[in-house]
C-alpha atoms as a PDB file:
ATOM      1  CA  UNK A   1      95.312 117.065 117.589  1.00  0.00           C
ATOM      2  CA  UNK A   2      93.251 115.312 120.244  1.00  0.00           C
ATOM      3  CA  UNK A   3      93.993 114.022 123.689  1.00  0.00           C
ATOM      4  CA  UNK A   4      92.887 110.516 124.568  1.00  0.00           C
ATOM      5  CA  UNK A   5      90.650 109.911 127.540  1.00  0.00           C
ATOM      6  CA  UNK A   6      92.775 106.905 128.432  1.00  0.00           C
ATOM      7  CA  UNK A   7      95.835 107.614 130.593  1.00  0.00           C
ATOM      8  CA  UNK A   8      98.403 106.921 127.908  1.00  0.00           C
ATOM      9  CA  UNK A   9     102.155 107.459 128.092  1.00  0.00           C
ATOM     10  CA  UNK A  10     104.276 108.932 125.314  1.00  0.00           C
ATOM     11  CA  UNK A  11     105.236 105.397 124.258  1.00  0.00           C
ATOM     12  CA  UNK A  12     101.589 104.303 124.262  1.00  0.00           C
ATOM     13  CA  UNK A  13     100.661 107.180 121.989  1.00  0.00           C
ATOM     14  CA  UNK A  14     103.555 106.388 119.678  1.00  0.00           C
ATOM     15  CA  UNK A  15     102.378 102.775 119.414  1.00  0.00           C
ATOM     16  CA  UNK A  16      98.792 103.768 118.630  1.00  0.00           C
ATOM     17  CA  UNK A  17      99.851 106.349 116.051  1.00  0.00           C
ATOM     18  CA  UNK A  18     102.604 104.346 114.388  1.00  0.00           C
ATOM     19  CA  UNK A  19     101.187 100.856 114.088  1.00  0.00           C
ATOM     20  CA  UNK A  20      97.550 101.049 113.025  1.00  0.00           C
ATOM     21  CA  UNK A  21      98.860  99.667 109.758  1.00  0.00           C
ATOM     22  CA  UNK A  22     102.181  98.729 108.220  1.00  0.00           C
ATOM     23  CA  UNK A  23     103.478  96.568 111.057  1.00  0.00           C
ATOM     24  CA  UNK A  24     106.362  94.418 109.786  1.00  0.00           C
ATOM     25  CA  UNK A  25     105.649  90.861 108.650  1.00  0.00           C
ATOM     26  CA  UNK A  26     109.015  89.301 109.522  1.00  0.00           C
ATOM     27  CA  UNK A  27     110.155  86.595 111.909  1.00  0.00           C
ATOM     28  CA  UNK A  28     110.808  88.938 114.840  1.00  0.00           C
ATOM     29  CA  UNK A  29     108.694  91.997 113.954  1.00  0.00           C
ATOM     30  CA  UNK A  30     109.118  93.939 117.183  1.00  0.00           C
ATOM     31  CA  UNK A  31     112.821  94.461 116.436  1.00  0.00           C
ATOM     32  CA  UNK A  32     112.408  96.588 113.281  1.00  0.00           C
ATOM     33  CA  UNK A  33     109.291  98.159 114.814  1.00  0.00           C
ATOM     34  CA  UNK A  34     111.263  99.309 117.855  1.00  0.00           C
ATOM     35  CA  UNK A  35     114.137 100.499 115.651  1.00  0.00           C
ATOM     36  CA  UNK A  36     111.695 102.597 113.618  1.00  0.00           C
ATOM     37  CA  UNK A  37     110.337 104.177 116.808  1.00  0.00           C
ATOM     38  CA  UNK A  38     113.859 104.974 117.984  1.00  0.00           C
ATOM     39  CA  UNK A  39     114.508 106.740 114.673  1.00  0.00           C
ATOM     40  CA  UNK A  40     111.448 108.879 115.449  1.00  0.00           C
ATOM     41  CA  UNK A  41     112.752 109.771 118.917  1.00  0.00           C
ATOM     42  CA  UNK A  42     110.948 107.131 120.969  1.00  0.00           C
ATOM     43  CA  UNK A  43     113.536 105.087 122.865  1.00  0.00           C
ATOM     44  CA  UNK A  44     112.274 101.526 123.312  1.00  0.00           C
ATOM     45  CA  UNK A  45     113.626  97.992 122.968  1.00  0.00           C
ATOM     46  CA  UNK A  46     111.882  95.207 121.075  1.00  0.00           C
ATOM     47  CA  UNK A  47     111.084  93.368 124.317  1.00  0.00           C
ATOM     48  CA  UNK A  48     109.643  96.472 125.972  1.00  0.00           C
ATOM     49  CA  UNK A  49     107.617  97.332 122.876  1.00  0.00           C
ATOM     50  CA  UNK A  50     106.115  93.851 122.788  1.00  0.00           C
ATOM     51  CA  UNK A  51     105.306  94.020 126.491  1.00  0.00           C
ATOM     52  CA  UNK A  52     103.640  97.404 126.131  1.00  0.00           C
ATOM     53  CA  UNK A  53     101.472  96.267 123.202  1.00  0.00           C
ATOM     54  CA  UNK A  54     100.429  93.268 125.296  1.00  0.00           C
ATOM     55  CA  UNK A  55      99.496  95.528 128.210  1.00  0.00           C
ATOM     56  CA  UNK A  56      97.502  97.914 126.006  1.00  0.00           C
ATOM     57  CA  UNK A  57      95.613  94.918 124.661  1.00  0.00           C
ATOM     58  CA  UNK A  58      94.899  93.566 128.150  1.00  0.00           C
ATOM     59  CA  UNK A  59      93.746  96.985 129.356  1.00  0.00           C
ATOM     60  CA  UNK A  60      91.307  97.355 126.460  1.00  0.00           C
ATOM     61  CA  UNK A  61      93.027 100.304 124.797  1.00  0.00           C
ATOM     62  CA  UNK A  62      93.504  97.978 121.826  1.00  0.00           C
ATOM     63  CA  UNK A  63      90.747  95.769 120.469  1.00  0.00           C
ATOM     64  CA  UNK A  64      93.462  93.413 119.277  1.00  0.00           C
ATOM     65  CA  UNK A  65      96.824  93.147 117.569  1.00  0.00           C
ATOM     66  CA  UNK A  66      97.366  91.413 114.261  1.00  0.00           C
ATOM     67  CA  UNK A  67      96.079  91.096 110.722  1.00  0.00           C
ATOM     68  CA  UNK A  68      92.756  92.731 109.868  1.00  0.00           C
ATOM     69  CA  UNK A  69      91.224  90.117 107.579  1.00  0.00           C
ATOM     70  CA  UNK A  70      89.089  91.409 104.700  1.00  0.00           C
ATOM     71  CA  UNK A  71      86.065  89.145 105.012  1.00  0.00           C
ATOM     72  CA  UNK A  72      84.772  89.841 101.508  1.00  0.00           C
ATOM     73  CA  UNK A  73      87.997  88.584  99.940  1.00  0.00           C
ATOM     74  CA  UNK A  74      87.903  85.409 102.027  1.00  0.00           C
ATOM     75  CA  UNK A  75      84.493  84.256 100.835  1.00  0.00           C
ATOM     76  CA  UNK A  76      80.758  84.721 101.264  1.00  0.00           C
ATOM     77  CA  UNK A  77      79.188  88.121 101.721  1.00  0.00           C
ATOM     78  CA  UNK A  78      77.988  90.612 104.298  1.00  0.00           C
ATOM     79  CA  UNK A  79      75.234  93.178 103.926  1.00  0.00           C
ATOM     80  CA  UNK A  80      73.866  96.123 105.895  1.00  0.00           C
ATOM     81  CA  UNK A  81      70.191  95.907 106.831  1.00  0.00           C
ATOM     82  CA  UNK A  82      67.849  98.485 108.373  1.00  0.00           C
ATOM     83  CA  UNK A  83      64.460  98.013 109.996  1.00  0.00           C
ATOM     84  CA  UNK A  84      61.923  99.699 112.225  1.00  0.00           C
ATOM     85  CA  UNK A  85      61.542  98.341 115.739  1.00  0.00           C
ATOM     86  CA  UNK A  86      58.452  99.776 117.468  1.00  0.00           C
ATOM     87  CA  UNK A  87      59.619 101.603 120.632  1.00  0.00           C
ATOM     88  CA  UNK A  88      57.327  99.571 122.872  1.00  0.00           C
ATOM     89  CA  UNK A  89      58.807  96.333 121.449  1.00  0.00           C
ATOM     90  CA  UNK A  90      62.339  97.512 120.761  1.00  0.00           C
ATOM     91  CA  UNK A  91      64.170  95.203 123.182  1.00  0.00           C
ATOM     92  CA  UNK A  92      62.051  92.229 122.130  1.00  0.00           C
ATOM     93  CA  UNK A  93      62.792  92.835 118.454  1.00  0.00           C
ATOM     94  CA  UNK A  94      66.496  93.296 119.214  1.00  0.00           C
ATOM     95  CA  UNK A  95      66.583  89.914 120.958  1.00  0.00           C
ATOM     96  CA  UNK A  96      64.861  88.257 117.991  1.00  0.00           C
ATOM     97  CA  UNK A  97      67.309  89.796 115.510  1.00  0.00           C
ATOM     98  CA  UNK A  98      70.366  89.100 117.647  1.00  0.00           C
ATOM     99  CA  UNK A  99      69.400  85.464 118.099  1.00  0.00           C
ATOM    100  CA  UNK A 100      70.387  84.846 114.471  1.00  0.00           C
ATOM    101  CA  UNK A 101      74.036  83.808 114.400  1.00  0.00           C
ATOM    102  CA  UNK A 102      74.325  85.395 110.949  1.00  0.00           C
ATOM    103  CA  UNK A 103      73.816  88.827 112.577  1.00  0.00           C
ATOM    104  CA  UNK A 104      77.290  90.072 113.443  1.00  0.00           C
ATOM    105  CA  UNK A 105      76.691  93.684 114.465  1.00  0.00           C
ATOM    106  CA  UNK A 106      73.514  95.461 115.527  1.00  0.00           C
ATOM    107  CA  UNK A 107      73.139  99.136 116.488  1.00  0.00           C
ATOM    108  CA  UNK A 108      70.310 101.354 117.616  1.00  0.00           C
ATOM    109  CA  UNK A 109      70.523 104.581 115.610  1.00  0.00           C
ATOM    110  CA  UNK A 110      68.733 107.907 115.788  1.00  0.00           C
ATOM    111  CA  UNK A 111      66.138 107.942 113.015  1.00  0.00           C
ATOM    112  CA  UNK A 112      62.367 108.546 113.157  1.00  0.00           C
ATOM    113  CA  UNK A 113      61.657 105.254 111.399  1.00  0.00           C
ATOM    114  CA  UNK A 114      64.689 103.060 110.661  1.00  0.00           C
ATOM    115  CA  UNK A 115      66.081 102.817 114.180  1.00  0.00           C
ATOM    116  CA  UNK A 116      67.785  99.404 114.045  1.00  0.00           C
ATOM    117  CA  UNK A 117      70.782  98.671 111.783  1.00  0.00           C
ATOM    118  CA  UNK A 118      72.520  95.323 111.615  1.00  0.00           C
ATOM    119  CA  UNK A 119      75.003  93.382 109.493  1.00  0.00           C
ATOM    120  CA  UNK A 120      74.204  89.925 108.130  1.00  0.00           C
ATOM    121  CA  UNK A 121      77.229  87.755 107.274  1.00  0.00           C
ATOM    122  CA  UNK A 122      76.752  84.497 105.335  1.00  0.00           C
ATOM    123  CA  UNK A 123      78.822  81.976 103.419  1.00  0.00           C
ATOM    124  CA  UNK A 124      76.353  81.884 100.499  1.00  0.00           C
ATOM    125  CA  UNK A 125      74.858  85.134  99.207  1.00  0.00           C
ATOM    126  CA  UNK A 126      71.530  83.413  98.556  1.00  0.00           C
ATOM    127  CA  UNK A 127      71.185  82.931 102.328  1.00  0.00           C
ATOM    128  CA  UNK A 128      70.690  86.666 102.896  1.00  0.00           C
ATOM    129  CA  UNK A 129      67.125  86.563 101.605  1.00  0.00           C
ATOM    130  CA  UNK A 130      66.368  83.526 103.765  1.00  0.00           C
ATOM    131  CA  UNK A 131      67.725  85.131 106.936  1.00  0.00           C
ATOM    132  CA  UNK A 132      65.843  88.377 106.326  1.00  0.00           C
ATOM    133  CA  UNK A 133      62.665  86.426 105.604  1.00  0.00           C
ATOM    134  CA  UNK A 134      62.983  84.657 108.948  1.00  0.00           C
ATOM    135  CA  UNK A 135      63.585  87.945 110.768  1.00  0.00           C
ATOM    136  CA  UNK A 136      60.551  89.539 109.133  1.00  0.00           C
ATOM    137  CA  UNK A 137      58.367  86.559 110.056  1.00  0.00           C
ATOM    138  CA  UNK A 138      59.545  86.571 113.677  1.00  0.00           C
ATOM    139  CA  UNK A 139      59.378  90.340 114.263  1.00  0.00           C
ATOM    140  CA  UNK A 140      56.510  91.317 111.987  1.00  0.00           C
ATOM    141  CA  UNK A 141      58.662  94.148 110.645  1.00  0.00           C
ATOM    142  CA  UNK A 142      59.953  94.806 107.124  1.00  0.00           C
ATOM    143  CA  UNK A 143      63.687  94.723 106.509  1.00  0.00           C
ATOM    144  CA  UNK A 144      65.563  96.928 104.051  1.00  0.00           C
ATOM    145  CA  UNK A 145      68.651  95.332 102.561  1.00  0.00           C
ATOM    146  CA  UNK A 146      71.413  97.771 101.606  1.00  0.00           C
ATOM    147  CA  UNK A 147      74.294  95.763 100.129  1.00  0.00           C
ATOM    148  CA  UNK A 148      77.473  97.568  99.189  1.00  0.00           C
ATOM    149  CA  UNK A 149      77.429  98.593  95.531  1.00  0.00           C
ATOM    150  CA  UNK A 150      80.808 100.311  95.594  1.00  0.00           C
ATOM    151  CA  UNK A 151      83.469 100.645  98.282  1.00  0.00           C
ATOM    152  CA  UNK A 152      85.340 103.932  98.151  1.00  0.00           C
ATOM    153  CA  UNK A 153      87.209 103.637 101.431  1.00  0.00           C
ATOM    154  CA  UNK A 154      87.578 101.438 104.502  1.00  0.00           C
ATOM    155  CA  UNK A 155      90.370 102.359 106.872  1.00  0.00           C
ATOM    156  CA  UNK A 156      89.783 103.880 110.251  1.00  0.00           C
ATOM    157  CA  UNK A 157      92.762 105.569 111.880  1.00  0.00           C
ATOM    158  CA  UNK A 158      92.376 107.102 115.311  1.00  0.00           C
ATOM    159  CA  UNK A 159      95.397 109.327 115.883  1.00  0.00           C
ATOM    160  CA  UNK A 160      96.467 110.951 119.133  1.00  0.00           C
ATOM    161  CA  UNK A 161      98.547 113.869 120.275  1.00  0.00           C
ATOM    162  CA  UNK A 162     102.124 112.665 120.640  1.00  0.00           C
ATOM    163  CA  UNK A 163     104.907 111.106 118.580  1.00  0.00           C
ATOM    164  CA  UNK A 164     104.207 110.165 114.936  1.00  0.00           C
ATOM    165  CA  UNK A 165     100.897 112.053 115.100  1.00  0.00           C
ATOM    166  CA  UNK A 166     100.488 111.833 111.315  1.00  0.00           C
ATOM    167  CA  UNK A 167     100.408 108.039 111.471  1.00  0.00           C
ATOM    168  CA  UNK A 168     102.846 107.912 108.573  1.00  0.00           C
ATOM    169  CA  UNK A 169     105.093 105.044 109.700  1.00  0.00           C
ATOM    170  CA  UNK A 170     104.784 102.078 107.319  1.00  0.00           C
ATOM    171  CA  UNK A 171     106.987  98.987 107.631  1.00  0.00           C
ATOM    172  CA  UNK A 172     104.914  96.719 105.403  1.00  0.00           C
ATOM    173  CA  UNK A 173     107.731  96.630 102.821  1.00  0.00           C
ATOM    174  CA  UNK A 174     109.908  94.566 105.142  1.00  0.00           C
ATOM    175  CA  UNK A 175     110.093  90.811 104.811  1.00  0.00           C
ATOM    176  CA  UNK A 176     110.223  88.372 101.898  1.00  0.00           C
ATOM    177  CA  UNK A 177     109.460  89.320  98.315  1.00  0.00           C
ATOM    178  CA  UNK A 178     106.148  87.728  97.388  1.00  0.00           C
ATOM    179  CA  UNK A 179     103.973  87.871  94.307  1.00  0.00           C
ATOM    180  CA  UNK A 180     100.205  88.354  94.615  1.00  0.00           C
ATOM    181  CA  UNK A 181      97.989  85.851  92.820  1.00  0.00           C
ATOM    182  CA  UNK A 182      94.531  86.185  91.323  1.00  0.00           C
ATOM    183  CA  UNK A 183      93.239  83.096  93.142  1.00  0.00           C
ATOM    184  CA  UNK A 184      89.852  83.734  94.721  1.00  0.00           C
ATOM    185  CA  UNK A 185      89.536  80.411  96.523  1.00  0.00           C
ATOM    186  CA  UNK A 186      91.581  79.363  99.548  1.00  0.00           C
ATOM    187  CA  UNK A 187      93.612  76.223  99.931  1.00  0.00           C
ATOM    188  CA  UNK A 188      92.929  74.143 103.064  1.00  0.00           C
ATOM    189  CA  UNK A 189      96.188  75.416 104.583  1.00  0.00           C
ATOM    190  CA  UNK A 190      95.226  79.039 103.870  1.00  0.00           C
ATOM    191  CA  UNK A 191      91.783  78.450 105.381  1.00  0.00           C
ATOM    192  CA  UNK A 192      93.388  77.133 108.572  1.00  0.00           C
ATOM    193  CA  UNK A 193      95.658  80.175 108.694  1.00  0.00           C
ATOM    194  CA  UNK A 194      92.721  82.578 108.328  1.00  0.00           C
ATOM    195  CA  UNK A 195      90.891  80.810 111.139  1.00  0.00           C
ATOM    196  CA  UNK A 196      93.936  81.093 113.371  1.00  0.00           C
ATOM    197  CA  UNK A 197      94.653  84.792 112.804  1.00  0.00           C
ATOM    198  CA  UNK A 198      91.141  86.235 112.476  1.00  0.00           C
ATOM    199  CA  UNK A 199      90.992  87.064 116.193  1.00  0.00           C
ATOM    200  CA  UNK A 200      94.501  88.509 116.316  1.00  0.00           C
ATOM    201  CA  UNK A 201      98.123  87.416 116.530  1.00  0.00           C
ATOM    202  CA  UNK A 202      99.830  86.224 119.704  1.00  0.00           C
ATOM    203  CA  UNK A 203     101.510  89.213 121.329  1.00  0.00           C
ATOM    204  CA  UNK A 204     104.952  87.677 121.627  1.00  0.00           C
ATOM    205  CA  UNK A 205     108.286  88.540 120.091  1.00  0.00           C
ATOM    206  CA  UNK A 206     107.728  85.732 117.538  1.00  0.00           C
ATOM    207  CA  UNK A 207     104.000  85.934 116.709  1.00  0.00           C
ATOM    208  CA  UNK A 208     104.242  84.393 113.248  1.00  0.00           C
ATOM    209  CA  UNK A 209     106.253  81.420 114.515  1.00  0.00           C
ATOM    210  CA  UNK A 210     103.633  80.895 117.212  1.00  0.00           C
ATOM    211  CA  UNK A 211     100.896  80.901 114.574  1.00  0.00           C
ATOM    212  CA  UNK A 212     102.943  78.465 112.477  1.00  0.00           C
ATOM    213  CA  UNK A 213     103.179  76.076 115.407  1.00  0.00           C
ATOM    214  CA  UNK A 214      99.420  76.301 115.965  1.00  0.00           C
ATOM    215  CA  UNK A 215      98.581  75.421 112.349  1.00  0.00           C
ATOM    216  CA  UNK A 216     101.409  72.943 111.800  1.00  0.00           C
ATOM    217  CA  UNK A 217     103.271  74.994 109.190  1.00  0.00           C
ATOM    218  CA  UNK A 218     106.745  76.365 108.660  1.00  0.00           C
ATOM    219  CA  UNK A 219     107.139  79.928 110.029  1.00  0.00           C
ATOM    220  CA  UNK A 220     108.466  81.116 106.679  1.00  0.00           C
ATOM    221  CA  UNK A 221     105.249  79.951 104.984  1.00  0.00           C
ATOM    222  CA  UNK A 222     103.135  81.879 107.503  1.00  0.00           C
ATOM    223  CA  UNK A 223     105.147  85.073 106.988  1.00  0.00           C
ATOM    224  CA  UNK A 224     105.021  84.763 103.196  1.00  0.00           C
ATOM    225  CA  UNK A 225     101.299  83.966 103.133  1.00  0.00           C
ATOM    226  CA  UNK A 226     100.255  86.828 105.410  1.00  0.00           C
ATOM    227  CA  UNK A 227     102.377  89.253 103.401  1.00  0.00           C
ATOM    228  CA  UNK A 228     100.874  87.926 100.149  1.00  0.00           C
ATOM    229  CA  UNK A 229      97.371  88.201 101.623  1.00  0.00           C
ATOM    230  CA  UNK A 230      98.149  91.831 102.424  1.00  0.00           C
ATOM    231  CA  UNK A 231      99.097  92.499  98.789  1.00  0.00           C
ATOM    232  CA  UNK A 232      96.046  90.623  97.490  1.00  0.00           C
ATOM    233  CA  UNK A 233      93.612  92.447  99.753  1.00  0.00           C
ATOM    234  CA  UNK A 234      92.663  89.387 101.806  1.00  0.00           C
ATOM    235  CA  UNK A 235      94.284  91.236 104.710  1.00  0.00           C
ATOM    236  CA  UNK A 236      93.553  94.962 104.857  1.00  0.00           C
ATOM    237  CA  UNK A 237      96.463  95.776 107.161  1.00  0.00           C
ATOM    238  CA  UNK A 238      98.642  94.349 109.911  1.00  0.00           C
ATOM    239  CA  UNK A 239      99.057  96.252 113.161  1.00  0.00           C
ATOM    240  CA  UNK A 240      97.270  97.399 116.291  1.00  0.00           C
ATOM    241  CA  UNK A 241      93.490  97.794 116.187  1.00  0.00           C
ATOM    242  CA  UNK A 242      92.553 100.534 118.680  1.00  0.00           C
ATOM    243  CA  UNK A 243      89.419 100.507 120.785  1.00  0.00           C
ATOM    244  CA  UNK A 244      88.242 103.903 119.613  1.00  0.00           C
ATOM    245  CA  UNK A 245      85.915 104.293 122.599  1.00  0.00           C
ATOM    246  CA  UNK A 246      88.902 103.942 124.948  1.00  0.00           C
ATOM    247  CA  UNK A 247      90.652 106.682 122.956  1.00  0.00           C
ATOM    248  CA  UNK A 248      87.694 109.003 123.448  1.00  0.00           C
ATOM    249  CA  UNK A 249      86.055 108.622 120.029  1.00  0.00           C
ATOM    250  CA  UNK A 250      82.594 108.042 121.446  1.00  0.00           C
ATOM    251  CA  UNK A 251      80.495 109.682 118.724  1.00  0.00           C
ATOM    252  CA  UNK A 252      79.755 107.437 115.750  1.00  0.00           C
ATOM    253  CA  UNK A 253      77.934 109.328 113.000  1.00  0.00           C
ATOM    254  CA  UNK A 254      76.640 107.567 109.903  1.00  0.00           C
ATOM    255  CA  UNK A 255      76.017 110.291 107.341  1.00  0.00           C
ATOM    256  CA  UNK A 256      73.787 109.393 104.409  1.00  0.00           C
ATOM    257  CA  UNK A 257      73.352 111.352 101.194  1.00  0.00           C
ATOM    258  CA  UNK A 258      71.052 111.389  98.179  1.00  0.00           C
ATOM    259  CA  UNK A 259      73.780 111.967  95.617  1.00  0.00           C
ATOM    260  CA  UNK A 260      72.700 112.302  91.959  1.00  0.00           C
ATOM    261  CA  UNK A 261      73.518 108.989  90.306  1.00  0.00           C
ATOM    262  CA  UNK A 262      75.661 110.570  87.622  1.00  0.00           C
ATOM    263  CA  UNK A 263      77.893 112.191  90.275  1.00  0.00           C
ATOM    264  CA  UNK A 264      78.465 109.310  92.693  1.00  0.00           C
ATOM    265  CA  UNK A 265      81.678 108.128  91.059  1.00  0.00           C
ATOM    266  CA  UNK A 266      83.117 111.652  91.224  1.00  0.00           C
ATOM    267  CA  UNK A 267      81.955 112.420  94.745  1.00  0.00           C
ATOM    268  CA  UNK A 268      83.007 109.091  96.267  1.00  0.00           C
ATOM    269  CA  UNK A 269      86.796 109.483  96.020  1.00  0.00           C
ATOM    270  CA  UNK A 270      86.617 113.075  97.258  1.00  0.00           C
ATOM    271  CA  UNK A 271      84.738 112.113 100.426  1.00  0.00           C
ATOM    272  CA  UNK A 272      86.972 109.072 100.892  1.00  0.00           C
ATOM    273  CA  UNK A 273      90.035 111.341 100.907  1.00  0.00           C
ATOM    274  CA  UNK A 274      88.890 113.129 104.084  1.00  0.00           C
ATOM    275  CA  UNK A 275      91.082 111.700 106.823  1.00  0.00           C
ATOM    276  CA  UNK A 276      88.270 111.488 109.395  1.00  0.00           C
ATOM    277  CA  UNK A 277      85.971 109.432 107.136  1.00  0.00           C
ATOM    278  CA  UNK A 278      86.484 105.809 108.148  1.00  0.00           C
ATOM    279  CA  UNK A 279      84.045 104.067 105.791  1.00  0.00           C
ATOM    280  CA  UNK A 280      82.587 105.264 102.507  1.00  0.00           C
ATOM    281  CA  UNK A 281      80.163 103.293 100.298  1.00  0.00           C
ATOM    282  CA  UNK A 282      77.519 103.455  97.612  1.00  0.00           C
ATOM    283  CA  UNK A 283      74.357 101.543  98.584  1.00  0.00           C
ATOM    284  CA  UNK A 284      70.864 101.177  97.063  1.00  0.00           C
ATOM    285  CA  UNK A 285      67.896 103.409  97.804  1.00  0.00           C
ATOM    286  CA  UNK A 286      64.489 102.044  98.872  1.00  0.00           C
ATOM    287  CA  UNK A 287      61.713 103.992  97.195  1.00  0.00           C
ATOM    288  CA  UNK A 288      59.313 105.674  99.581  1.00  0.00           C
ATOM    289  CA  UNK A 289      61.340 104.682 102.641  1.00  0.00           C
ATOM    290  CA  UNK A 290      65.024 105.430 102.137  1.00  0.00           C
ATOM    291  CA  UNK A 291      66.153 108.027  99.545  1.00  0.00           C
ATOM    292  CA  UNK A 292      69.899 107.876 100.259  1.00  0.00           C
ATOM    293  CA  UNK A 293      72.496 106.089  98.117  1.00  0.00           C
ATOM    294  CA  UNK A 294      75.783 107.220  99.669  1.00  0.00           C
ATOM    295  CA  UNK A 295      77.111 106.426 103.173  1.00  0.00           C
ATOM    296  CA  UNK A 296      80.084 108.046 104.919  1.00  0.00           C
ATOM    297  CA  UNK A 297      80.995 107.107 108.496  1.00  0.00           C
ATOM    298  CA  UNK A 298      82.694 109.612 110.772  1.00  0.00           C
ATOM    299  CA  UNK A 299      83.905 109.412 114.385  1.00  0.00           C
ATOM    300  CA  UNK A 300      84.476 112.169 116.916  1.00  0.00           C
ATOM    301  CA  UNK A 301      85.153 112.735 120.599  1.00  0.00           C
ATOM    302  CA  UNK A 302      82.023 114.818 121.054  1.00  0.00           C
ATOM    303  CA  UNK A 303      78.806 115.527 119.227  1.00  0.00           C
ATOM    304  CA  UNK A 304      80.122 118.998 118.411  1.00  0.00           C
ATOM    305  CA  UNK A 305      83.282 117.572 116.846  1.00  0.00           C
ATOM    306  CA  UNK A 306      81.262 115.063 114.864  1.00  0.00           C
ATOM    307  CA  UNK A 307      78.922 117.786 113.630  1.00  0.00           C
ATOM    308  CA  UNK A 308      81.897 119.883 112.517  1.00  0.00           C
ATOM    309  CA  UNK A 309      83.273 116.958 110.549  1.00  0.00           C
ATOM    310  CA  UNK A 310      79.884 116.233 109.005  1.00  0.00           C
ATOM    311  CA  UNK A 311      79.715 119.871 107.925  1.00  0.00           C
ATOM    312  CA  UNK A 312      83.052 119.382 106.148  1.00  0.00           C
ATOM    313  CA  UNK A 313      81.540 116.438 104.269  1.00  0.00           C
ATOM    314  CA  UNK A 314      78.569 118.601 103.302  1.00  0.00           C
ATOM    315  CA  UNK A 315      80.879 121.348 102.051  1.00  0.00           C
ATOM    316  CA  UNK A 316      82.666 118.885  99.765  1.00  0.00           C
ATOM    317  CA  UNK A 317      79.319 117.569  98.544  1.00  0.00           C
ATOM    318  CA  UNK A 318      78.216 121.130  97.794  1.00  0.00           C
ATOM    319  CA  UNK A 319      81.093 121.510  95.352  1.00  0.00           C
ATOM    320  CA  UNK A 320      79.294 119.027  93.096  1.00  0.00           C
ATOM    321  CA  UNK A 321      75.615 119.820  93.457  1.00  0.00           C
ATOM    322  CA  UNK A 322      73.160 122.002  95.354  1.00  0.00           C
ATOM    323  CA  UNK A 323      72.695 119.971  98.542  1.00  0.00           C
ATOM    324  CA  UNK A 324      69.277 120.577 100.077  1.00  0.00           C
ATOM    325  CA  UNK A 325      68.199 119.904 103.641  1.00  0.00           C
ATOM    326  CA  UNK A 326      66.282 116.829 102.494  1.00  0.00           C
ATOM    327  CA  UNK A 327      69.279 115.415 100.621  1.00  0.00           C
ATOM    328  CA  UNK A 328      71.154 114.146 103.664  1.00  0.00           C
ATOM    329  CA  UNK A 329      70.886 112.972 107.240  1.00  0.00           C
ATOM    330  CA  UNK A 330      73.078 111.784 110.117  1.00  0.00           C
ATOM    331  CA  UNK A 331      72.252 108.730 112.179  1.00  0.00           C
ATOM    332  CA  UNK A 332      74.193 108.656 115.439  1.00  0.00           C
ATOM    333  CA  UNK A 333      74.438 105.316 117.200  1.00  0.00           C
ATOM    334  CA  UNK A 334      72.788 105.384 120.619  1.00  0.00           C
ATOM    335  CA  UNK A 335      73.316 101.781 121.691  1.00  0.00           C
ATOM    336  CA  UNK A 336      75.352  98.744 120.655  1.00  0.00           C
ATOM    337  CA  UNK A 337      72.869  95.861 120.559  1.00  0.00           C
ATOM    338  CA  UNK A 338      75.270  93.166 119.354  1.00  0.00           C
ATOM    339  CA  UNK A 339      78.903  93.144 118.285  1.00  0.00           C
ATOM    340  CA  UNK A 340      80.396  89.706 117.842  1.00  0.00           C
ATOM    341  CA  UNK A 341      82.535  90.528 114.811  1.00  0.00           C
ATOM    342  CA  UNK A 342      82.229  88.771 111.487  1.00  0.00           C
ATOM    343  CA  UNK A 343      83.265  85.184 112.094  1.00  0.00           C
ATOM    344  CA  UNK A 344      84.823  83.755 108.983  1.00  0.00           C
ATOM    345  CA  UNK A 345      84.636  80.029 109.685  1.00  0.00           C
ATOM    346  CA  UNK A 346      81.735  79.133 107.395  1.00  0.00           C
ATOM    347  CA  UNK A 347      82.659  81.718 104.779  1.00  0.00           C
ATOM    348  CA  UNK A 348      86.249  80.509 104.518  1.00  0.00           C
ATOM    349  CA  UNK A 349      85.182  76.873 104.517  1.00  0.00           C
ATOM    350  CA  UNK A 350      82.736  77.440 101.658  1.00  0.00           C
ATOM    351  CA  UNK A 351      85.498  79.123  99.633  1.00  0.00           C
ATOM    352  CA  UNK A 352      88.112  76.413 100.170  1.00  0.00           C
ATOM    353  CA  UNK A 353      89.169  74.205  97.281  1.00  0.00           C
END
């Protein structure tokens, strides 16, 4: 198990390991959360646990605390796009791409041709083509749209040496009994709730009541709705969201594979089951430019660790077909060019009935 670069106490490590998902959705959630830690040998009160989560957030060890909203289930769409930015114009092209508010994330990645990778998030799927057309006109460079064809796994967990190192504490069963619905659209009240929680929950002993006050709702409704959203997939998980760089996970390797089409549905779940694979998708190829149809994201604390994990992915792939040197590649990120997060305002608004 790994040691974090951050100077974390035993309690800090327990918090990071225990609550990356499955945090209780109840009126006073830090009480059962602290009780669960005490059962695992970590002596802490609800008040002290809340205070420590707040401090970790303020210090940047956590990116935030709260509900991780699943943007695709809220409305609109997001797509991954690659392009070539000539080295002598790289910064200029990055500024032109980043100037589009629809561009949420943008990374420089190691690749001889496709060295810029960004995410476009829009309320209306038809807007993707328009945004990419504008970017091509402004930069003079072709864009390669790689929308998600199949999601096999999304769920990064960055575990540390210390208590609950398996990350197996799950308190999501606590709280009211709710029934998921098949409603795709949001009500105006649900839209307002999504807007309020998308950046995180207040780090207080009564976070859901504080959210309820902000949106003018009853606390019980907020608790029930967030728990229902969790069951419906509109919320992926509730808990702490670590800053993986602060925990020492500095290497971000996007492995890409040219998997035979008739094997993708077999290979996907196997790669997704590897605990160090944080994202796993099927995406389209682009003939003559991009031969890969399968993406698996890994993170490591060093390039050597990342390479070892990538080799494990290759070994699993090799169980299904004869993987040649030209059948895969790894694109390490070398620079974050933009990272604003996917803002859901327009997407939620467009999906509100």
